[in-house]
Amino acid sequence: MISLGVSTNRKGFTLVELLIVV
């Protein structure tokens, strides 16, 4: 998973990361 560092606060992946991962 590509973490931007902002998703660390969430479950592990935010909407922004979901777009990047998918």
PDB file of N, CA and C in Angstrom:
ATOM      1  N   MET A   1       0.842  -1.200   0.000  1.00  0.00           N
ATOM      2  CA  MET A   1       0.000   0.000   0.000  1.00  0.00           C
ATOM      3  C   MET A   1       0.877   1.250   0.000  1.00  0.00           C
ATOM      4  N   ILE A   2       0.445   2.245  -0.762  1.00  0.00           N
ATOM      5  CA  ILE A   2       1.214   3.486  -0.833  1.00  0.00           C
ATOM      6  C   ILE A   2       0.682   4.466   0.213  1.00  0.00           C
ATOM      7  N   SER A   3       1.448   4.715   1.259  1.00  0.00           N
ATOM      8  CA  SER A   3       0.986   5.621   2.307  1.00  0.00           C
ATOM      9  C   SER A   3       1.591   7.002   2.135  1.00  0.00           C
ATOM     10  N   LEU A   4       0.736   8.017   2.137  1.00  0.00           N
ATOM     11  CA  LEU A   4       1.227   9.390   1.976  1.00  0.00           C
ATOM     12  C   LEU A   4       1.650   9.959   3.324  1.00  0.00           C
ATOM     13  N   GLY A   5       1.241   9.284   4.384  1.00  0.00           N
ATOM     14  CA  GLY A   5       1.574   9.764   5.718  1.00  0.00           C
ATOM     15  C   GLY A   5       0.347  10.348   6.395  1.00  0.00           C
ATOM     16  N   VAL A   6      -0.655  10.673   5.590  1.00  0.00           N
ATOM     17  CA  VAL A   6      -1.887  11.243   6.146  1.00  0.00           C
ATOM     18  C   VAL A   6      -2.839  10.128   6.549  1.00  0.00           C
ATOM     19  N   SER A   7      -2.706   8.994   5.867  1.00  0.00           N
ATOM     20  CA  SER A   7      -3.590   7.870   6.126  1.00  0.00           C
ATOM     21  C   SER A   7      -3.270   7.206   7.458  1.00  0.00           C
ATOM     22  N   THR A   8      -2.119   7.522   8.018  1.00  0.00           N
ATOM     23  CA  THR A   8      -1.707   6.896   9.274  1.00  0.00           C
ATOM     24  C   THR A   8      -2.715   7.191  10.374  1.00  0.00           C
ATOM     25  N   ASN A   9      -3.402   8.329  10.278  1.00  0.00           N
ATOM     26  CA  ASN A   9      -4.397   8.688  11.273  1.00  0.00           C
ATOM     27  C   ASN A   9      -5.664   7.857  11.107  1.00  0.00           C
ATOM     28  N   ARG A  10      -5.928   7.429   9.898  1.00  0.00           N
ATOM     29  CA  ARG A  10      -7.150   6.668   9.610  1.00  0.00           C
ATOM     30  C   ARG A  10      -6.900   5.176   9.788  1.00  0.00           C
ATOM     31  N   LYS A  11      -7.771   4.365   9.207  1.00  0.00           N
ATOM     32  CA  LYS A  11      -7.631   2.912   9.309  1.00  0.00           C
ATOM     33  C   LYS A  11      -6.337   2.442   8.670  1.00  0.00           C
ATOM     34  N   GLY A  12      -5.822   3.228   7.741  1.00  0.00           N
ATOM     35  CA  GLY A  12      -4.596   2.819   7.062  1.00  0.00           C
ATOM     36  C   GLY A  12      -4.576   3.373   5.642  1.00  0.00           C
ATOM     37  N   PHE A  13      -5.729   3.822   5.201  1.00  0.00           N
ATOM     38  CA  PHE A  13      -5.787   4.385   3.845  1.00  0.00           C
ATOM     39  C   PHE A  13      -7.024   5.251   3.684  1.00  0.00           C
ATOM     40  N   THR A  14      -6.787   6.492   3.302  1.00  0.00           N
ATOM     41  CA  THR A  14      -7.887   7.440   3.143  1.00  0.00           C
ATOM     42  C   THR A  14      -8.390   7.427   1.699  1.00  0.00           C
ATOM     43  N   LEU A  15      -9.357   8.272   1.395  1.00  0.00           N
ATOM     44  CA  LEU A  15      -9.891   8.343   0.037  1.00  0.00           C
ATOM     45  C   LEU A  15      -8.796   8.703  -0.946  1.00  0.00           C
ATOM     46  N   VAL A  16      -7.885   9.556  -0.504  1.00  0.00           N
ATOM     47  CA  VAL A  16      -6.788   9.977  -1.383  1.00  0.00           C
ATOM     48  C   VAL A  16      -5.883   8.799  -1.690  1.00  0.00           C
ATOM     49  N   GLU A  17      -5.627   7.984  -0.701  1.00  0.00           N
ATOM     50  CA  GLU A  17      -4.766   6.826  -0.892  1.00  0.00           C
ATOM     51  C   GLU A  17      -5.494   5.741  -1.692  1.00  0.00           C
ATOM     52  N   LEU A  18      -6.782   5.610  -1.466  1.00  0.00           N
ATOM     53  CA  LEU A  18      -7.537   4.606  -2.206  1.00  0.00           C
ATOM     54  C   LEU A  18      -7.416   4.848  -3.692  1.00  0.00           C
ATOM     55  N   LEU A  19      -7.455   6.116  -4.099  1.00  0.00           N
ATOM     56  CA  LEU A  19      -7.343   6.456  -5.514  1.00  0.00           C
ATOM     57  C   LEU A  19      -5.975   6.076  -6.046  1.00  0.00           C
ATOM     58  N   ILE A  20      -4.953   6.215  -5.220  1.00  0.00           N
ATOM     59  CA  ILE A  20      -3.586   5.909  -5.627  1.00  0.00           C
ATOM     60  C   ILE A  20      -3.363   4.400  -5.675  1.00  0.00           C
ATOM     61  N   VAL A  21      -3.855   3.708  -4.668  1.00  0.00           N
ATOM     62  CA  VAL A  21      -3.691   2.254  -4.604  1.00  0.00           C
ATOM     63  C   VAL A  21      -4.460   1.590  -5.740  1.00  0.00           C
ATOM     64  N   VAL A  22      -5.664   2.098  -6.008  1.00  0.00           N
ATOM     65  CA  VAL A  22      -6.504   1.513  -7.058  1.00  0.00           C
ATOM     66  C   VAL A  22      -6.199   2.242  -8.354  1.00  0.00           C
TER      67      VAL A  22
END
